[in-house]
């Protein structure tokens, strides 16, 4: 039986490409599902003939006093042709308050992300690696932010399956 969550997972790949296309004029193929595990899914696509691998999940719970909010995704992306790995991004389903920060908690670890439009990012590659490691080893992730209208949100993710999915994208993209 297809649930809204299952349908949402299958749409993740397509929505990621749409979001990515808005930031880059690069030619990209449609994403292909690599695997699912727990609450996470792995995808691959090619961009200018280069392989890109990413993992994504949607929150189990999203909280906030809002009437309308778009799709919400946590992502980790490898782009071996650009020598990048573990790039964490968070698409929140609304436009963030300008110059705001997002608080990311994975179990007892806390990280601060910067925002641009509807996406939050880690400030550097070292933080990306620490977040990816915490996601792989963790149980629960919460992300808190503030919309451009001042609405506070808190999204909660299960990290079940994240290790297997991260292993799959790391192997597929040949990340050392």
N, C-alpha and C. Protein backbone atom coordinates (compact mmCIF):
# COMPACT_ATOMS: atom_id res chain seq x y z
N UNK A 1 0.83 -1.18 0.00
CA UNK A 1 0.00 0.00 0.00
C UNK A 1 0.88 1.25 0.00
N UNK A 2 0.59 2.17 -0.85
CA UNK A 2 1.35 3.41 -0.92
C UNK A 2 0.79 4.40 0.10
N UNK A 3 1.66 4.89 0.94
CA UNK A 3 1.26 5.92 1.90
C UNK A 3 1.80 7.26 1.41
N UNK A 4 1.35 8.32 2.03
CA UNK A 4 1.84 9.66 1.67
C UNK A 4 3.35 9.72 1.87
N UNK A 5 3.85 9.07 2.90
CA UNK A 5 5.29 9.07 3.19
C UNK A 5 6.04 8.34 2.08
N UNK A 6 5.51 7.20 1.63
CA UNK A 6 6.16 6.45 0.55
C UNK A 6 6.16 7.25 -0.74
N UNK A 7 5.02 7.83 -1.08
CA UNK A 7 4.94 8.65 -2.28
C UNK A 7 5.91 9.81 -2.18
N UNK A 8 5.98 10.42 -1.00
CA UNK A 8 6.91 11.54 -0.78
C UNK A 8 8.35 11.11 -1.01
N UNK A 9 8.70 9.92 -0.59
CA UNK A 9 10.06 9.42 -0.79
C UNK A 9 10.40 9.31 -2.26
N UNK A 10 9.46 8.79 -3.02
CA UNK A 10 9.72 8.63 -4.45
C UNK A 10 9.78 9.97 -5.17
N UNK A 11 9.15 10.96 -4.60
CA UNK A 11 9.19 12.31 -5.19
C UNK A 11 10.46 13.05 -4.79
N UNK A 12 11.14 12.58 -3.76
CA UNK A 12 12.35 13.25 -3.28
C UNK A 12 13.35 13.50 -4.40
N UNK A 13 13.62 12.47 -5.15
CA UNK A 13 14.60 12.60 -6.23
C UNK A 13 14.22 13.66 -7.23
N UNK A 14 12.98 13.64 -7.66
CA UNK A 14 12.53 14.62 -8.64
C UNK A 14 12.57 16.02 -8.05
N UNK A 15 12.11 16.19 -6.82
CA UNK A 15 12.11 17.51 -6.19
C UNK A 15 13.53 18.02 -5.98
N UNK A 16 14.46 17.12 -5.67
CA UNK A 16 15.84 17.55 -5.48
C UNK A 16 16.40 18.11 -6.78
N UNK A 17 16.10 17.46 -7.89
CA UNK A 17 16.59 17.95 -9.18
C UNK A 17 15.99 19.31 -9.49
N UNK A 18 14.71 19.49 -9.23
CA UNK A 18 14.09 20.79 -9.46
C UNK A 18 14.76 21.86 -8.61
N UNK A 19 14.98 21.57 -7.34
CA UNK A 19 15.63 22.53 -6.46
C UNK A 19 17.06 22.80 -6.92
N UNK A 20 17.75 21.74 -7.32
CA UNK A 20 19.13 21.90 -7.78
C UNK A 20 19.19 22.74 -9.05
N UNK A 21 18.26 22.49 -9.96
CA UNK A 21 18.25 23.20 -11.24
C UNK A 21 18.09 24.70 -11.03
N UNK A 22 17.41 25.09 -9.97
CA UNK A 22 17.23 26.52 -9.70
C UNK A 22 18.55 27.19 -9.34
N UNK A 23 19.50 26.43 -8.83
CA UNK A 23 20.79 26.98 -8.40
C UNK A 23 21.89 26.83 -9.45
N UNK A 24 21.66 26.03 -10.49
CA UNK A 24 22.72 25.73 -11.42
C UNK A 24 22.20 25.57 -12.84
N UNK A 25 22.91 26.14 -13.80
CA UNK A 25 22.52 25.94 -15.18
C UNK A 25 23.00 24.60 -15.74
N UNK A 26 23.61 23.76 -14.91
CA UNK A 26 24.18 22.49 -15.36
C UNK A 26 23.10 21.54 -15.87
N UNK A 27 23.50 20.69 -16.80
CA UNK A 27 22.60 19.68 -17.34
C UNK A 27 22.64 18.47 -16.41
N UNK A 28 21.48 18.04 -15.92
CA UNK A 28 21.42 16.92 -14.99
C UNK A 28 20.37 15.91 -15.44
N UNK A 29 20.66 14.63 -15.21
CA UNK A 29 19.71 13.57 -15.52
C UNK A 29 18.71 13.45 -14.38
N UNK A 30 17.66 12.66 -14.63
CA UNK A 30 16.70 12.38 -13.56
C UNK A 30 17.37 11.50 -12.52
N UNK A 31 17.06 11.71 -11.25
CA UNK A 31 17.64 10.84 -10.23
C UNK A 31 17.10 9.42 -10.31
N UNK A 32 17.96 8.49 -9.95
CA UNK A 32 17.59 7.08 -9.88
C UNK A 32 17.72 6.62 -8.44
N UNK A 33 16.71 5.91 -7.96
CA UNK A 33 16.74 5.38 -6.61
C UNK A 33 17.81 4.30 -6.52
N UNK A 34 18.72 4.44 -5.57
CA UNK A 34 19.77 3.46 -5.34
C UNK A 34 19.30 2.44 -4.31
N UNK A 35 18.79 2.94 -3.18
CA UNK A 35 18.30 2.05 -2.12
C UNK A 35 17.49 2.85 -1.11
N UNK A 36 16.72 2.14 -0.30
CA UNK A 36 16.02 2.69 0.86
C UNK A 36 16.46 1.88 2.07
N UNK A 37 16.53 2.55 3.22
CA UNK A 37 16.78 1.86 4.48
C UNK A 37 16.18 2.71 5.59
N UNK A 38 15.33 2.11 6.39
CA UNK A 38 14.70 2.86 7.47
C UNK A 38 13.97 4.06 6.91
N UNK A 39 14.33 5.24 7.40
CA UNK A 39 13.68 6.48 7.00
C UNK A 39 14.45 7.24 5.93
N UNK A 40 15.48 6.65 5.36
CA UNK A 40 16.36 7.34 4.41
C UNK A 40 16.36 6.65 3.06
N UNK A 41 16.59 7.44 2.01
CA UNK A 41 16.68 6.93 0.65
C UNK A 41 17.96 7.47 0.01
N UNK A 42 18.54 6.66 -0.89
CA UNK A 42 19.75 7.06 -1.62
C UNK A 42 19.42 7.17 -3.10
N UNK A 43 20.00 8.19 -3.75
CA UNK A 43 19.76 8.45 -5.16
C UNK A 43 21.08 8.77 -5.85
N UNK A 44 21.09 8.59 -7.17
CA UNK A 44 22.20 9.03 -8.01
C UNK A 44 21.64 9.75 -9.22
N UNK A 45 22.43 10.64 -9.78
CA UNK A 45 22.12 11.24 -11.06
C UNK A 45 23.42 11.72 -11.67
N UNK A 46 23.38 12.03 -12.96
CA UNK A 46 24.57 12.58 -13.59
C UNK A 46 24.33 14.05 -13.91
N UNK A 47 25.40 14.81 -13.76
CA UNK A 47 25.38 16.25 -13.99
C UNK A 47 26.60 16.57 -14.83
N UNK A 48 26.38 17.04 -16.04
CA UNK A 48 27.50 17.30 -16.96
C UNK A 48 28.41 16.07 -17.07
N UNK A 49 27.80 14.90 -17.20
CA UNK A 49 28.48 13.61 -17.33
C UNK A 49 29.25 13.18 -16.08
N UNK A 50 28.97 13.80 -14.94
CA UNK A 50 29.61 13.43 -13.67
C UNK A 50 28.57 12.86 -12.72
N UNK A 51 28.95 11.79 -12.03
CA UNK A 51 28.06 11.13 -11.08
C UNK A 51 27.91 11.96 -9.81
N UNK A 52 26.67 12.09 -9.34
CA UNK A 52 26.35 12.73 -8.06
C UNK A 52 25.54 11.72 -7.27
N UNK A 53 25.85 11.55 -5.98
CA UNK A 53 25.13 10.64 -5.11
C UNK A 53 24.62 11.42 -3.91
N UNK A 54 23.38 11.15 -3.51
CA UNK A 54 22.87 11.84 -2.33
C UNK A 54 21.89 10.95 -1.58
N UNK A 55 21.72 11.28 -0.31
CA UNK A 55 20.75 10.60 0.54
C UNK A 55 19.80 11.66 1.07
N UNK A 56 18.56 11.24 1.32
CA UNK A 56 17.55 12.20 1.74
C UNK A 56 16.53 11.56 2.66
N UNK A 57 15.92 12.40 3.48
CA UNK A 57 14.84 11.96 4.35
C UNK A 57 13.89 13.13 4.58
N UNK A 58 12.68 12.79 4.99
CA UNK A 58 11.69 13.78 5.39
C UNK A 58 11.44 13.61 6.89
N UNK A 59 10.98 14.66 7.56
CA UNK A 59 10.79 14.55 9.01
C UNK A 59 9.62 13.64 9.39
N UNK A 60 9.76 13.00 10.54
CA UNK A 60 8.66 12.23 11.10
C UNK A 60 7.63 13.17 11.71
N UNK A 61 8.12 14.33 12.17
CA UNK A 61 7.25 15.30 12.83
C UNK A 61 7.73 16.70 12.46
N UNK A 62 6.80 17.56 12.04
CA UNK A 62 7.14 18.96 11.79
C UNK A 62 6.20 19.82 12.62
N UNK A 63 6.80 20.75 13.39
CA UNK A 63 6.04 21.58 14.31
C UNK A 63 6.22 23.05 13.98
N UNK A 64 5.18 23.83 14.21
CA UNK A 64 5.22 25.27 14.00
C UNK A 64 3.83 25.80 13.77
N UNK A 65 3.63 27.07 14.06
CA UNK A 65 2.33 27.70 13.91
C UNK A 65 2.23 28.32 12.52
N UNK A 66 2.10 27.46 11.51
CA UNK A 66 2.02 27.92 10.13
C UNK A 66 0.79 27.30 9.48
N UNK A 67 0.30 27.95 8.45
CA UNK A 67 -0.85 27.40 7.72
C UNK A 67 -0.42 26.75 6.42
N UNK A 68 0.71 27.17 5.88
CA UNK A 68 1.18 26.62 4.61
C UNK A 68 2.68 26.44 4.66
N UNK A 69 3.14 25.26 4.26
CA UNK A 69 4.57 24.97 4.24
C UNK A 69 4.83 23.96 3.14
N UNK A 70 5.91 24.15 2.41
CA UNK A 70 6.27 23.23 1.33
C UNK A 70 6.93 21.98 1.85
N UNK A 71 7.49 21.22 0.92
CA UNK A 71 8.18 19.97 1.25
C UNK A 71 9.44 20.24 2.07
N UNK A 72 9.79 19.30 2.93
CA UNK A 72 10.92 19.41 3.85
C UNK A 72 11.85 18.23 3.60
N UNK A 73 13.16 18.51 3.41
CA UNK A 73 14.14 17.46 3.14
C UNK A 73 15.47 17.74 3.82
N UNK A 74 16.05 16.70 4.41
CA UNK A 74 17.44 16.73 4.85
C UNK A 74 18.24 15.90 3.85
N UNK A 75 19.39 16.43 3.41
CA UNK A 75 20.17 15.80 2.36
C UNK A 75 21.66 15.77 2.71
N UNK A 76 22.33 14.73 2.26
CA UNK A 76 23.79 14.67 2.26
C UNK A 76 24.20 14.29 0.85
N UNK A 77 25.10 15.08 0.26
CA UNK A 77 25.46 14.91 -1.15
C UNK A 77 26.96 14.73 -1.34
N UNK A 78 27.31 13.78 -2.24
CA UNK A 78 28.69 13.58 -2.69
C UNK A 78 28.78 14.00 -4.15
N UNK A 79 29.77 14.80 -4.49
CA UNK A 79 30.07 15.17 -5.88
C UNK A 79 31.56 14.90 -6.11
N UNK A 80 31.92 13.66 -6.44
CA UNK A 80 33.35 13.34 -6.58
C UNK A 80 34.06 14.18 -7.63
N UNK A 81 33.40 14.57 -8.70
CA UNK A 81 34.06 15.37 -9.74
C UNK A 81 34.46 16.75 -9.22
N UNK A 82 33.80 17.20 -8.16
CA UNK A 82 34.13 18.49 -7.54
C UNK A 82 34.94 18.30 -6.26
N UNK A 83 35.28 17.04 -5.97
CA UNK A 83 36.02 16.68 -4.76
C UNK A 83 35.29 17.14 -3.49
N UNK A 84 33.94 17.00 -3.50
CA UNK A 84 33.16 17.30 -2.29
C UNK A 84 32.43 16.04 -1.86
N UNK A 85 32.27 15.94 -0.55
CA UNK A 85 31.55 14.81 0.02
C UNK A 85 30.84 15.26 1.30
N UNK A 86 29.81 14.55 1.65
CA UNK A 86 29.08 14.80 2.90
C UNK A 86 28.49 16.21 3.01
N UNK A 87 28.18 16.85 1.90
CA UNK A 87 27.63 18.21 1.96
C UNK A 87 26.20 18.12 2.50
N UNK A 88 26.00 18.66 3.69
CA UNK A 88 24.68 18.64 4.33
C UNK A 88 23.90 19.87 3.90
N UNK A 89 22.66 19.65 3.51
CA UNK A 89 21.76 20.77 3.23
C UNK A 89 20.37 20.42 3.75
N UNK A 90 19.62 21.46 4.05
CA UNK A 90 18.29 21.28 4.62
C UNK A 90 17.32 22.20 3.91
N UNK A 91 16.40 21.62 3.17
CA UNK A 91 15.36 22.38 2.48
C UNK A 91 14.15 22.40 3.40
N UNK A 92 13.73 23.60 3.79
CA UNK A 92 12.78 23.73 4.88
C UNK A 92 11.32 23.93 4.50
N UNK A 93 11.01 24.20 3.24
CA UNK A 93 9.62 24.36 2.86
C UNK A 93 9.08 25.76 3.06
N UNK A 94 9.94 26.69 3.40
CA UNK A 94 9.59 28.11 3.50
C UNK A 94 10.86 28.92 3.34
N UNK A 95 10.73 30.22 3.16
CA UNK A 95 11.90 31.09 3.08
C UNK A 95 12.31 31.47 4.50
N UNK A 96 13.60 31.28 4.79
CA UNK A 96 14.11 31.63 6.11
C UNK A 96 14.15 33.14 6.31
N UNK A 97 14.11 33.53 7.57
CA UNK A 97 14.33 34.92 7.94
C UNK A 97 15.73 35.30 7.47
N UNK A 98 15.89 36.45 6.80
CA UNK A 98 17.22 36.84 6.32
C UNK A 98 18.27 36.87 7.44
N UNK A 99 19.46 36.40 7.13
CA UNK A 99 20.59 36.38 8.06
C UNK A 99 20.32 35.57 9.33
N UNK A 100 19.39 34.62 9.25
CA UNK A 100 19.11 33.80 10.43
C UNK A 100 19.99 32.56 10.43
N UNK A 101 20.04 31.91 11.57
CA UNK A 101 20.77 30.66 11.71
C UNK A 101 19.79 29.56 12.08
N UNK A 102 20.18 28.35 11.80
CA UNK A 102 19.38 27.17 12.10
C UNK A 102 20.14 26.32 13.10
N UNK A 103 19.42 25.80 14.08
CA UNK A 103 20.04 24.93 15.08
C UNK A 103 19.73 23.48 14.72
N UNK A 104 20.78 22.70 14.54
CA UNK A 104 20.69 21.29 14.21
C UNK A 104 21.20 20.50 15.41
N UNK A 105 20.37 19.57 15.90
CA UNK A 105 20.79 18.71 17.01
C UNK A 105 20.69 17.26 16.56
N UNK A 106 21.76 16.54 16.81
CA UNK A 106 21.78 15.10 16.56
C UNK A 106 22.16 14.47 17.89
N UNK A 107 21.16 13.86 18.53
CA UNK A 107 21.32 13.36 19.90
C UNK A 107 21.85 14.50 20.77
N UNK A 108 23.07 14.40 21.31
CA UNK A 108 23.58 15.46 22.20
C UNK A 108 24.50 16.46 21.48
N UNK A 109 24.72 16.27 20.19
CA UNK A 109 25.60 17.17 19.43
C UNK A 109 24.77 18.29 18.80
N UNK A 110 25.32 19.52 18.82
CA UNK A 110 24.63 20.67 18.25
C UNK A 110 25.50 21.33 17.20
N UNK A 111 24.86 21.74 16.09
CA UNK A 111 25.54 22.42 14.99
C UNK A 111 24.74 23.66 14.61
N UNK A 112 25.43 24.67 14.12
CA UNK A 112 24.77 25.89 13.63
C UNK A 112 24.94 25.96 12.12
N UNK A 113 23.82 26.15 11.43
CA UNK A 113 23.80 26.25 9.98
C UNK A 113 23.48 27.67 9.56
N UNK A 114 23.97 28.08 8.39
CA UNK A 114 23.58 29.38 7.85
C UNK A 114 22.46 29.16 6.84
N UNK A 115 21.70 30.21 6.55
CA UNK A 115 20.55 30.08 5.67
C UNK A 115 20.68 30.95 4.42
N UNK A 116 20.01 30.47 3.37
CA UNK A 116 19.86 31.24 2.14
C UNK A 116 18.55 30.80 1.52
N UNK A 117 17.63 31.73 1.34
CA UNK A 117 16.31 31.43 0.79
C UNK A 117 15.63 30.34 1.62
N UNK A 118 15.40 29.14 1.04
CA UNK A 118 14.71 28.07 1.77
C UNK A 118 15.64 26.94 2.19
N UNK A 119 16.95 27.19 2.16
CA UNK A 119 17.92 26.13 2.44
C UNK A 119 18.89 26.56 3.53
N UNK A 120 19.26 25.61 4.38
CA UNK A 120 20.28 25.82 5.41
C UNK A 120 21.47 24.91 5.08
N UNK A 121 22.67 25.42 5.34
CA UNK A 121 23.91 24.73 4.99
C UNK A 121 24.88 24.77 6.17
N UNK A 122 25.77 23.78 6.20
CA UNK A 122 26.88 23.81 7.15
C UNK A 122 27.88 24.85 6.66
N UNK A 123 28.62 25.48 7.56
CA UNK A 123 29.52 26.56 7.14
C UNK A 123 30.78 26.11 6.42
N UNK A 124 31.17 24.83 6.57
CA UNK A 124 32.42 24.38 5.95
C UNK A 124 32.43 22.85 5.84
N UNK A 125 33.42 22.34 5.12
CA UNK A 125 33.52 20.89 4.86
C UNK A 125 33.76 20.10 6.14
N UNK A 126 34.51 20.66 7.07
CA UNK A 126 34.75 19.96 8.34
C UNK A 126 33.44 19.75 9.10
N UNK A 127 32.60 20.77 9.13
CA UNK A 127 31.30 20.64 9.80
C UNK A 127 30.41 19.64 9.05
N UNK A 128 30.44 19.68 7.70
CA UNK A 128 29.70 18.68 6.92
C UNK A 128 30.10 17.27 7.33
N UNK A 129 31.39 17.01 7.45
CA UNK A 129 31.87 15.68 7.83
C UNK A 129 31.40 15.30 9.24
N UNK A 130 31.44 16.25 10.16
CA UNK A 130 30.99 15.98 11.54
C UNK A 130 29.49 15.70 11.58
N UNK A 131 28.72 16.44 10.79
CA UNK A 131 27.27 16.20 10.73
C UNK A 131 26.99 14.82 10.13
N UNK A 132 27.64 14.49 9.03
CA UNK A 132 27.44 13.18 8.40
C UNK A 132 27.77 12.05 9.37
N UNK A 133 28.88 12.19 10.10
CA UNK A 133 29.27 11.19 11.08
C UNK A 133 28.22 11.07 12.20
N UNK A 134 27.73 12.20 12.68
CA UNK A 134 26.72 12.20 13.74
C UNK A 134 25.42 11.57 13.24
N UNK A 135 25.02 11.86 12.02
CA UNK A 135 23.81 11.25 11.45
C UNK A 135 23.97 9.74 11.37
N UNK A 136 25.12 9.28 10.91
CA UNK A 136 25.38 7.83 10.79
C UNK A 136 25.31 7.14 12.16
N UNK A 137 25.79 7.80 13.19
CA UNK A 137 25.88 7.18 14.51
C UNK A 137 24.69 7.49 15.41
N UNK A 138 23.86 8.46 15.00
CA UNK A 138 22.80 8.95 15.87
C UNK A 138 21.49 8.22 15.76
N UNK A 139 20.56 8.65 16.62
CA UNK A 139 19.21 8.09 16.65
C UNK A 139 18.15 9.08 16.19
N UNK A 140 18.35 10.36 16.58
CA UNK A 140 17.32 11.36 16.31
C UNK A 140 17.97 12.69 15.96
N UNK A 141 17.36 13.39 15.03
CA UNK A 141 17.85 14.71 14.62
C UNK A 141 16.69 15.69 14.68
N UNK A 142 16.95 16.88 15.26
CA UNK A 142 15.96 17.94 15.25
C UNK A 142 16.59 19.18 14.61
N UNK A 143 15.77 19.91 13.89
CA UNK A 143 16.22 21.11 13.21
C UNK A 143 15.23 22.22 13.51
N UNK A 144 15.76 23.35 14.05
CA UNK A 144 14.91 24.48 14.40
C UNK A 144 15.32 25.70 13.60
N UNK A 145 14.32 26.38 13.04
CA UNK A 145 14.57 27.58 12.25
C UNK A 145 13.45 28.58 12.40
N UNK A 146 13.61 29.74 11.73
CA UNK A 146 12.61 30.81 11.78
C UNK A 146 12.34 31.29 10.35
N UNK A 147 11.07 31.34 9.99
CA UNK A 147 10.69 31.76 8.64
C UNK A 147 10.82 33.27 8.48
N UNK A 148 10.72 33.72 7.24
CA UNK A 148 10.78 35.16 6.96
C UNK A 148 9.63 35.91 7.62
N UNK A 149 8.58 35.20 7.98
CA UNK A 149 7.43 35.81 8.69
C UNK A 149 7.55 35.71 10.21
N UNK A 150 8.66 35.13 10.67
CA UNK A 150 8.88 35.03 12.11
C UNK A 150 8.35 33.76 12.74
N UNK A 151 7.87 32.82 11.95
CA UNK A 151 7.34 31.56 12.47
C UNK A 151 8.49 30.63 12.85
N UNK A 152 8.48 30.15 14.09
CA UNK A 152 9.48 29.20 14.54
C UNK A 152 9.01 27.79 14.19
N UNK A 153 9.97 26.97 13.70
CA UNK A 153 9.64 25.59 13.36
C UNK A 153 10.65 24.65 14.01
N UNK A 154 10.18 23.43 14.24
CA UNK A 154 11.05 22.37 14.76
C UNK A 154 10.65 21.09 14.05
N UNK A 155 11.62 20.48 13.36
CA UNK A 155 11.38 19.25 12.62
C UNK A 155 12.20 18.13 13.23
N UNK A 156 11.60 16.96 13.36
CA UNK A 156 12.25 15.82 14.00
C UNK A 156 12.37 14.67 13.01
N UNK A 157 13.58 14.13 12.89
CA UNK A 157 13.89 13.04 11.96
C UNK A 157 14.36 11.82 12.73
N UNK A 158 13.98 10.65 12.24
CA UNK A 158 14.59 9.41 12.69
C UNK A 158 15.86 9.22 11.86
N UNK A 159 16.91 8.72 12.47
CA UNK A 159 18.14 8.45 11.74
C UNK A 159 18.28 6.96 11.41
N UNK A 160 17.21 6.21 11.66
CA UNK A 160 17.20 4.79 11.34
C UNK A 160 17.44 4.61 9.84
N UNK A 161 18.41 3.79 9.51
CA UNK A 161 18.74 3.50 8.12
C UNK A 161 19.78 4.42 7.52
N UNK A 162 20.15 5.48 8.23
CA UNK A 162 21.08 6.46 7.65
C UNK A 162 22.47 5.87 7.40
N UNK A 163 22.93 4.98 8.25
CA UNK A 163 24.26 4.40 8.05
C UNK A 163 24.30 3.57 6.77
N UNK A 164 23.32 2.71 6.56
CA UNK A 164 23.29 1.87 5.36
C UNK A 164 23.17 2.72 4.10
N UNK A 165 22.36 3.75 4.14
CA UNK A 165 22.17 4.61 2.97
C UNK A 165 23.43 5.43 2.70
N UNK A 166 24.07 5.93 3.75
CA UNK A 166 25.33 6.67 3.57
C UNK A 166 26.39 5.74 2.99
N UNK A 167 26.47 4.52 3.49
CA UNK A 167 27.41 3.55 2.93
C UNK A 167 27.15 3.34 1.44
N UNK A 168 25.88 3.26 1.05
CA UNK A 168 25.52 3.02 -0.35
C UNK A 168 25.96 4.17 -1.25
N UNK A 169 25.75 5.42 -0.83
CA UNK A 169 26.15 6.54 -1.69
C UNK A 169 27.66 6.70 -1.71
N UNK A 170 28.30 6.37 -0.59
CA UNK A 170 29.76 6.47 -0.51
C UNK A 170 30.40 5.44 -1.44
N UNK A 171 29.88 4.23 -1.44
CA UNK A 171 30.41 3.19 -2.32
C UNK A 171 30.12 3.53 -3.79
N UNK A 172 28.91 3.93 -4.10
CA UNK A 172 28.53 4.21 -5.48
C UNK A 172 29.37 5.35 -6.08
N UNK A 173 29.63 6.38 -5.28
CA UNK A 173 30.43 7.51 -5.75
C UNK A 173 31.93 7.33 -5.51
N UNK A 174 32.31 6.14 -5.01
CA UNK A 174 33.72 5.82 -4.78
C UNK A 174 34.43 6.86 -3.92
N UNK A 175 33.81 7.20 -2.82
CA UNK A 175 34.38 8.17 -1.88
C UNK A 175 35.28 7.42 -0.90
N UNK A 176 36.47 7.91 -0.70
CA UNK A 176 37.43 7.28 0.23
C UNK A 176 37.38 7.96 1.56
